[in-house]
N, C-alpha and C. Protein backbone atom coordinates (compact mmCIF):
# COMPACT_ATOMS: atom_id res chain seq x y z
N UNK A 1 1.01 -1.09 0.48
CA UNK A 1 -0.11 -0.47 0.06
C UNK A 1 1.07 1.56 0.20
N UNK A 2 0.16 2.65 -0.45
CA UNK A 2 1.54 3.10 -1.42
C UNK A 2 0.66 4.35 -0.06
N UNK A 3 1.93 5.64 0.09
CA UNK A 3 1.36 6.46 1.12
C UNK A 3 -0.49 7.21 1.24
N UNK A 4 0.02 6.96 0.26
CA UNK A 4 -1.14 7.85 -0.09
C UNK A 4 -1.69 7.45 0.13
N UNK A 5 -2.56 5.53 -0.50
CA UNK A 5 -3.84 5.10 -0.11
C UNK A 5 -3.89 4.83 1.26
N UNK A 6 -2.55 4.47 2.43
CA UNK A 6 -2.56 4.66 3.50
C UNK A 6 -4.06 6.26 3.75
N UNK A 7 -3.25 7.18 2.72
CA UNK A 7 -3.97 8.57 4.45
C UNK A 7 -5.26 9.03 3.53
N UNK A 8 -5.59 8.34 2.38
CA UNK A 8 -7.04 7.56 1.53
C UNK A 8 -8.05 6.99 2.38
N UNK A 9 -7.39 6.02 2.85
CA UNK A 9 -7.76 4.95 3.99
C UNK A 9 -8.08 5.44 5.10
N UNK A 10 -7.30 6.14 5.19
CA UNK A 10 -7.53 7.06 6.98
C UNK A 10 -8.68 7.91 6.55
N UNK A 11 -8.13 9.20 5.96
CA UNK A 11 -9.92 9.62 5.86
C UNK A 11 -11.23 8.69 5.90
N UNK A 12 -10.98 8.36 5.43
CA UNK A 12 -12.39 7.19 5.07
C UNK A 12 -12.96 6.94 6.06
N UNK A 13 -12.30 6.98 7.15
CA UNK A 13 -12.47 5.97 8.82
C UNK A 13 -12.75 7.99 9.48
N UNK A 14 -12.64 8.88 8.99
CA UNK A 14 -12.38 9.67 10.14
C UNK A 14 -14.13 9.98 9.97
N UNK A 15 -15.05 11.37 11.40
CA UNK A 15 -16.35 11.17 11.46
C UNK A 15 -15.39 13.14 10.63
N UNK A 16 -17.25 13.09 10.19
CA UNK A 16 -17.87 14.15 8.77
C UNK A 16 -17.18 15.23 9.35
N UNK A 17 -17.16 15.83 10.78
CA UNK A 17 -16.48 17.14 11.38
C UNK A 17 -14.95 17.26 11.63
N UNK A 18 -13.59 15.87 11.83
CA UNK A 18 -12.37 15.71 11.29
C UNK A 18 -12.23 16.50 9.98
N UNK A 19 -13.35 16.10 9.00
CA UNK A 19 -13.06 16.14 7.37
C UNK A 19 -12.46 18.01 6.42
N UNK A 20 -12.83 18.90 7.56
CA UNK A 20 -12.62 20.15 7.56
C UNK A 20 -11.17 20.41 8.36
N UNK A 21 -10.84 19.68 8.91
CA UNK A 21 -9.38 19.74 9.66
C UNK A 21 -8.73 19.57 9.09
N UNK A 22 -8.54 18.04 8.08
CA UNK A 22 -8.06 17.85 7.01
C UNK A 22 -6.90 18.42 5.72
N UNK A 23 -8.81 18.87 5.50
CA UNK A 23 -8.66 19.68 4.55
C UNK A 23 -8.02 20.81 4.66
N UNK A 24 -8.23 21.94 5.53
CA UNK A 24 -7.66 23.28 5.83
C UNK A 24 -5.92 23.27 5.98
N UNK A 25 -5.59 21.88 6.64
CA UNK A 25 -4.08 21.06 7.46
C UNK A 25 -2.69 20.55 5.69
N UNK A 26 -4.26 20.05 4.72
CA UNK A 26 -3.66 20.30 3.83
C UNK A 26 -3.54 21.22 2.62
N UNK A 27 -3.91 22.44 2.67
CA UNK A 27 -4.27 23.36 2.08
C UNK A 27 -2.84 23.86 2.31
N UNK A 28 -2.42 24.25 3.58
CA UNK A 28 -1.31 24.93 4.33
C UNK A 28 -0.33 23.68 4.20
N UNK A 29 0.07 22.58 4.06
CA UNK A 29 1.36 22.30 2.87
C UNK A 29 1.12 21.92 2.02
N UNK A 30 0.38 22.33 1.07
CA UNK A 30 0.60 22.42 -0.12
C UNK A 30 0.56 24.18 -0.03
N UNK A 31 -0.05 25.00 0.45
CA UNK A 31 0.53 26.27 0.33
C UNK A 31 2.13 26.20 1.36
N UNK A 32 3.18 25.55 1.30
CA UNK A 32 4.29 25.98 2.12
C UNK A 32 5.40 25.32 1.16
N UNK A 33 4.79 24.78 -0.15
CA UNK A 33 4.98 23.73 -0.52
C UNK A 33 5.45 24.89 -2.76
N UNK A 34 5.61 25.68 -2.49
CA UNK A 34 4.92 26.71 -3.31
C UNK A 34 6.61 28.09 -3.13
N UNK A 35 6.00 28.87 -4.06
CA UNK A 35 7.52 28.99 -4.26
C UNK A 35 7.50 30.59 -3.82
N UNK A 36 8.31 31.41 -3.46
CA UNK A 36 8.44 32.07 -2.88
C UNK A 36 7.63 33.81 -3.41
N UNK A 37 7.51 33.50 -4.39
CA UNK A 37 6.74 34.83 -5.36
C UNK A 37 4.94 34.29 -4.95
N UNK A 38 4.88 33.43 -5.04
CA UNK A 38 3.40 32.32 -4.58
C UNK A 38 3.05 32.87 -3.16
N UNK A 39 3.56 32.56 -2.64
CA UNK A 39 3.89 32.95 -0.56
C UNK A 39 3.27 34.15 -0.70
N UNK A 40 3.87 35.31 -1.30
CA UNK A 40 3.63 36.46 -1.34
C UNK A 40 2.28 36.90 -1.74
N UNK A 41 1.88 36.61 -2.06
CA UNK A 41 0.08 36.53 -2.58
C UNK A 41 -0.35 36.24 -1.77
N UNK A 42 -0.25 34.65 -0.84
CA UNK A 42 -0.94 34.84 0.37
C UNK A 42 -0.53 35.40 1.91
N UNK A 43 -0.27 36.18 1.97
CA UNK A 43 0.48 37.75 2.83
C UNK A 43 -1.17 38.15 3.31
N UNK A 44 -0.83 38.33 2.04
CA UNK A 44 -2.34 40.10 2.31
C UNK A 44 -3.49 38.18 2.50
N UNK A 45 -3.79 37.40 2.54
CA UNK A 45 -4.93 37.19 3.39
C UNK A 45 -4.58 37.76 4.31
N UNK A 46 -3.37 37.60 5.03
CA UNK A 46 -2.97 37.40 6.90
C UNK A 46 -3.53 38.70 6.84
N UNK A 47 -4.80 38.71 8.07
CA UNK A 47 -4.78 39.14 8.97
C UNK A 47 -4.43 40.95 9.43
N UNK A 48 -3.22 40.81 9.88
CA UNK A 48 -1.65 40.98 10.26
C UNK A 48 -0.77 41.75 9.76
N UNK A 49 -0.80 41.51 8.25
CA UNK A 49 -0.31 41.49 6.88
C UNK A 49 -0.93 43.08 7.27
N UNK A 50 -2.19 43.61 6.73
CA UNK A 50 -2.58 44.33 6.84
C UNK A 50 -1.67 45.87 8.58
N UNK A 51 -0.91 44.87 9.18
CA UNK A 51 -0.36 45.86 10.70
C UNK A 51 0.64 45.76 10.67
N UNK A 52 1.36 45.43 9.63
CA UNK A 52 2.46 45.59 9.88
C UNK A 52 3.60 47.59 9.55
N UNK A 53 3.98 47.24 10.18
CA UNK A 53 3.78 49.03 10.49
C UNK A 53 2.87 50.29 10.47
N UNK A 54 2.06 49.63 11.65
CA UNK A 54 1.32 50.65 12.38
C UNK A 54 1.58 50.56 13.22
N UNK A 55 2.52 50.67 13.40
CA UNK A 55 3.21 51.84 14.92
C UNK A 55 4.45 52.45 14.64
N UNK A 56 5.08 52.78 13.81
CA UNK A 56 5.81 53.34 12.60
C UNK A 56 6.10 54.22 13.17
N UNK A 57 5.40 55.44 13.23
CA UNK A 57 4.45 56.53 14.29
C UNK A 57 5.49 56.87 15.80
N UNK A 58 5.44 55.34 16.20
CA UNK A 58 5.38 55.21 17.35
C UNK A 58 4.78 55.79 18.79
N UNK A 59 3.46 56.58 18.17
CA UNK A 59 2.52 57.11 19.63
C UNK A 59 2.22 55.87 20.18
N UNK A 60 2.29 55.00 19.90
CA UNK A 60 1.26 53.59 21.51
C UNK A 60 2.67 54.07 22.49
N UNK A 61 3.58 53.81 22.24
CA UNK A 61 4.75 54.03 23.49
C UNK A 61 4.60 55.54 23.62
N UNK A 62 4.23 55.64 23.02
CA UNK A 62 5.41 57.53 24.57
C UNK A 62 4.12 57.95 25.68
N UNK A 63 5.40 58.42 26.60
CA UNK A 63 4.34 58.29 28.17
C UNK A 63 4.60 56.74 28.01
N UNK A 64 5.11 55.56 28.12
CA UNK A 64 4.71 54.33 28.53
C UNK A 64 4.99 54.13 30.19
N UNK A 65 6.37 54.65 29.97
CA UNK A 65 7.07 54.70 30.77
C UNK A 65 6.13 55.40 32.62
N UNK A 66 5.59 56.57 32.10
CA UNK A 66 4.68 56.59 32.95
C UNK A 66 3.78 56.49 33.30
N UNK A 67 3.05 55.37 32.58
CA UNK A 67 1.16 54.95 32.68
C UNK A 67 2.07 53.75 34.11
N UNK A 68 3.27 53.28 33.29
CA UNK A 68 3.32 52.00 34.51
C UNK A 68 4.47 51.86 35.67
N UNK A 69 4.92 52.98 35.77
CA UNK A 69 5.72 53.09 36.99
C UNK A 69 5.31 54.75 37.21
N UNK A 70 4.43 55.26 37.00
CA UNK A 70 3.79 56.62 37.48
C UNK A 70 5.11 57.01 37.02
N UNK A 71 5.67 58.25 36.21
CA UNK A 71 6.17 59.35 36.99
C UNK A 71 5.53 60.47 36.49
């Protein structure tokens, strides 16, 4: 039996509720095998990708020591 056939046989025994998890995992594995250029396209769907650079102006850390240490 090939590995692929063993995977198919194991999937056949899973309850329906676990099949979505398996699909998501397989899709994630397939995504890691793509070229770096195609992974850049996937980064745009990452919710944190839009946050990158949002704190570059530094206002979030303004007077932070005063807040923590009562200055």
